């Protein structure tokens, strides 16, 4: 469970860092990233 959280955190961090939203809107990506940071 912790491993999955870390992988997801790194995944969204990389997407946010390189500004590559892929199949998600940028607002949703940024919101999820901020939510992950707040939860972390």
PDB file of N, CA and C in Angstrom:
ATOM      1  N   UNK A   1       0.851  -1.202   0.000  1.00  0.00           N
ATOM      2  CA  UNK A   1       0.000   0.000   0.000  1.00  0.00           C
ATOM      3  C   UNK A   1       0.884   1.249   0.000  1.00  0.00           C
ATOM      4  N   UNK A   2       1.935   1.211   0.817  1.00  0.00           N
ATOM      5  CA  UNK A   2       2.862   2.344   0.858  1.00  0.00           C
ATOM      6  C   UNK A   2       3.615   2.453  -0.457  1.00  0.00           C
ATOM      7  N   UNK A   3       4.006   1.304  -1.010  1.00  0.00           N
ATOM      8  CA  UNK A   3       4.736   1.307  -2.285  1.00  0.00           C
ATOM      9  C   UNK A   3       3.883   1.933  -3.378  1.00  0.00           C
ATOM     10  N   UNK A   4       2.605   1.573  -3.399  1.00  0.00           N
ATOM     11  CA  UNK A   4       1.692   2.109  -4.412  1.00  0.00           C
ATOM     12  C   UNK A   4       1.557   3.621  -4.270  1.00  0.00           C
ATOM     13  N   UNK A   5       1.506   4.100  -3.020  1.00  0.00           N
ATOM     14  CA  UNK A   5       1.385   5.537  -2.780  1.00  0.00           C
ATOM     15  C   UNK A   5       2.637   6.259  -3.263  1.00  0.00           C
ATOM     16  N   UNK A   6       3.806   5.693  -2.983  1.00  0.00           N
ATOM     17  CA  UNK A   6       5.071   6.311  -3.397  1.00  0.00           C
ATOM     18  C   UNK A   6       5.168   6.347  -4.911  1.00  0.00           C
ATOM     19  N   UNK A   7       4.806   5.242  -5.573  1.00  0.00           N
ATOM     20  CA  UNK A   7       4.868   5.194  -7.036  1.00  0.00           C
ATOM     21  C   UNK A   7       3.913   6.215  -7.642  1.00  0.00           C
ATOM     22  N   UNK A   8       2.713   6.312  -7.073  1.00  0.00           N
ATOM     23  CA  UNK A   8       1.734   7.277  -7.577  1.00  0.00           C
ATOM     24  C   UNK A   8       2.231   8.704  -7.352  1.00  0.00           C
ATOM     25  N   UNK A   9       2.855   8.937  -6.195  1.00  0.00           N
ATOM     26  CA  UNK A   9       3.374  10.269  -5.882  1.00  0.00           C
ATOM     27  C   UNK A   9       4.466  10.651  -6.870  1.00  0.00           C
ATOM     28  N   UNK A  10       5.399   9.726  -7.137  1.00  0.00           N
ATOM     29  CA  UNK A  10       6.485   9.999  -8.086  1.00  0.00           C
ATOM     30  C   UNK A  10       5.915  10.211  -9.482  1.00  0.00           C
ATOM     31  N   UNK A  11       4.916   9.390  -9.855  1.00  0.00           N
ATOM     32  CA  UNK A  11       4.312   9.490 -11.179  1.00  0.00           C
ATOM     33  C   UNK A  11       3.692  10.868 -11.402  1.00  0.00           C
ATOM     34  N   UNK A  12       2.881  11.315 -10.443  1.00  0.00           N
ATOM     35  CA  UNK A  12       2.236  12.624 -10.579  1.00  0.00           C
ATOM     36  C   UNK A  12       3.244  13.755 -10.461  1.00  0.00           C
ATOM     37  N   UNK A  13       4.304  13.547  -9.664  1.00  0.00           N
ATOM     38  CA  UNK A  13       5.330  14.584  -9.524  1.00  0.00           C
ATOM     39  C   UNK A  13       6.063  14.774 -10.840  1.00  0.00           C
ATOM     40  N   UNK A  14       6.372  13.660 -11.523  1.00  0.00           N
ATOM     41  CA  UNK A  14       7.061  13.743 -12.813  1.00  0.00           C
ATOM     42  C   UNK A  14       6.163  14.429 -13.839  1.00  0.00           C
ATOM     43  N   UNK A  15       4.881  14.046 -13.871  1.00  0.00           N
ATOM     44  CA  UNK A  15       3.955  14.665 -14.820  1.00  0.00           C
ATOM     45  C   UNK A  15       3.827  16.154 -14.547  1.00  0.00           C
ATOM     46  N   UNK A  16       3.750  16.520 -13.274  1.00  0.00           N
ATOM     47  CA  UNK A  16       3.597  17.931 -12.907  1.00  0.00           C
ATOM     48  C   UNK A  16       4.876  18.705 -13.226  1.00  0.00           C
ATOM     49  N   UNK A  17       6.024  18.059 -13.036  1.00  0.00           N
ATOM     50  CA  UNK A  17       7.310  18.727 -13.255  1.00  0.00           C
ATOM     51  C   UNK A  17       7.535  19.010 -14.736  1.00  0.00           C
ATOM     52  N   UNK A  18       7.190  18.017 -15.575  1.00  0.00           N
ATOM     53  CA  UNK A  18       7.405  18.181 -17.015  1.00  0.00           C
ATOM     54  C   UNK A  18       6.181  18.752 -17.720  1.00  0.00           C
ATOM     55  N   UNK A  19       5.117  19.036 -16.943  1.00  0.00           N
ATOM     56  CA  UNK A  19       3.889  19.613 -17.513  1.00  0.00           C
ATOM     57  C   UNK A  19       3.331  18.739 -18.630  1.00  0.00           C
ATOM     58  N   UNK A  20       3.204  17.442 -18.364  1.00  0.00           N
ATOM     59  CA  UNK A  20       2.645  16.512 -19.350  1.00  0.00           C
ATOM     60  C   UNK A  20       1.364  15.910 -18.764  1.00  0.00           C
ATOM     61  N   UNK A  21       0.210  16.496 -19.059  1.00  0.00           N
ATOM     62  CA  UNK A  21      -1.040  16.037 -18.472  1.00  0.00           C
ATOM     63  C   UNK A  21      -1.548  14.717 -19.057  1.00  0.00           C
ATOM     64  N   UNK A  22      -0.991  14.276 -20.207  1.00  0.00           N
ATOM     65  CA  UNK A  22      -1.448  13.049 -20.860  1.00  0.00           C
ATOM     66  C   UNK A  22      -2.960  13.092 -21.091  1.00  0.00           C
ATOM     67  N   UNK A  23      -3.709  12.169 -20.471  1.00  0.00           N
ATOM     68  CA  UNK A  23      -5.141  12.081 -20.739  1.00  0.00           C
ATOM     69  C   UNK A  23      -5.957  12.799 -19.673  1.00  0.00           C
ATOM     70  N   UNK A  24      -5.317  13.578 -18.820  1.00  0.00           N
ATOM     71  CA  UNK A  24      -6.052  14.290 -17.782  1.00  0.00           C
ATOM     72  C   UNK A  24      -5.913  15.790 -17.987  1.00  0.00           C
ATOM     73  N   UNK A  25      -6.982  16.529 -17.667  1.00  0.00           N
ATOM     74  CA  UNK A  25      -6.912  17.992 -17.740  1.00  0.00           C
ATOM     75  C   UNK A  25      -5.856  18.511 -16.781  1.00  0.00           C
ATOM     76  N   UNK A  26      -5.265  19.640 -17.121  1.00  0.00           N
ATOM     77  CA  UNK A  26      -4.197  20.188 -16.286  1.00  0.00           C
ATOM     78  C   UNK A  26      -4.719  20.582 -14.896  1.00  0.00           C
ATOM     79  N   UNK A  27      -5.942  21.085 -14.852  1.00  0.00           N
ATOM     80  CA  UNK A  27      -6.505  21.479 -13.561  1.00  0.00           C
ATOM     81  C   UNK A  27      -6.663  20.282 -12.639  1.00  0.00           C
ATOM     82  N   UNK A  28      -7.169  19.164 -13.180  1.00  0.00           N
ATOM     83  CA  UNK A  28      -7.353  17.966 -12.379  1.00  0.00           C
ATOM     84  C   UNK A  28      -6.003  17.449 -11.910  1.00  0.00           C
ATOM     85  N   UNK A  29      -5.001  17.485 -12.800  1.00  0.00           N
ATOM     86  CA  UNK A  29      -3.676  16.991 -12.445  1.00  0.00           C
ATOM     87  C   UNK A  29      -3.084  17.826 -11.322  1.00  0.00           C
ATOM     88  N   UNK A  30      -3.194  19.155 -11.455  1.00  0.00           N
ATOM     89  CA  UNK A  30      -2.651  20.049 -10.430  1.00  0.00           C
ATOM     90  C   UNK A  30      -3.393  19.858  -9.108  1.00  0.00           C
ATOM     91  N   UNK A  31      -4.710  19.707  -9.185  1.00  0.00           N
ATOM     92  CA  UNK A  31      -5.503  19.518  -7.979  1.00  0.00           C
ATOM     93  C   UNK A  31      -5.126  18.233  -7.263  1.00  0.00           C
ATOM     94  N   UNK A  32      -4.942  17.143  -8.026  1.00  0.00           N
ATOM     95  CA  UNK A  32      -4.565  15.873  -7.421  1.00  0.00           C
ATOM     96  C   UNK A  32      -3.169  15.972  -6.831  1.00  0.00           C
ATOM     97  N   UNK A  33      -2.275  16.709  -7.517  1.00  0.00           N
ATOM     98  CA  UNK A  33      -0.906  16.871  -7.028  1.00  0.00           C
ATOM     99  C   UNK A  33      -0.899  17.619  -5.702  1.00  0.00           C
ATOM    100  N   UNK A  34      -1.672  18.694  -5.635  1.00  0.00           N
ATOM    101  CA  UNK A  34      -1.746  19.476  -4.399  1.00  0.00           C
ATOM    102  C   UNK A  34      -2.369  18.641  -3.286  1.00  0.00           C
ATOM    103  N   UNK A  35      -3.402  17.863  -3.642  1.00  0.00           N
ATOM    104  CA  UNK A  35      -4.059  17.012  -2.658  1.00  0.00           C
ATOM    105  C   UNK A  35      -3.077  15.968  -2.121  1.00  0.00           C
ATOM    106  N   UNK A  36      -2.250  15.414  -3.011  1.00  0.00           N
ATOM    107  CA  UNK A  36      -1.270  14.413  -2.598  1.00  0.00           C
ATOM    108  C   UNK A  36      -0.236  15.033  -1.670  1.00  0.00           C
ATOM    109  N   UNK A  37       0.218  16.249  -2.006  1.00  0.00           N
ATOM    110  CA  UNK A  37       1.201  16.939  -1.164  1.00  0.00           C
ATOM    111  C   UNK A  37       0.602  17.228   0.214  1.00  0.00           C
ATOM    112  N   UNK A  38      -0.655  17.666   0.219  1.00  0.00           N
ATOM    113  CA  UNK A  38      -1.306  17.983   1.489  1.00  0.00           C
ATOM    114  C   UNK A  38      -1.480  16.728   2.332  1.00  0.00           C
ATOM    115  N   UNK A  39      -1.867  15.627   1.676  1.00  0.00           N
ATOM    116  CA  UNK A  39      -2.055  14.371   2.394  1.00  0.00           C
ATOM    117  C   UNK A  39      -0.720  13.841   2.896  1.00  0.00           C
ATOM    118  N   UNK A  40       0.327  14.046   2.096  1.00  0.00           N
ATOM    119  CA  UNK A  40       1.649  13.557   2.478  1.00  0.00           C
ATOM    120  C   UNK A  40       2.203  14.415   3.606  1.00  0.00           C
TER     121      UNK A  40
END
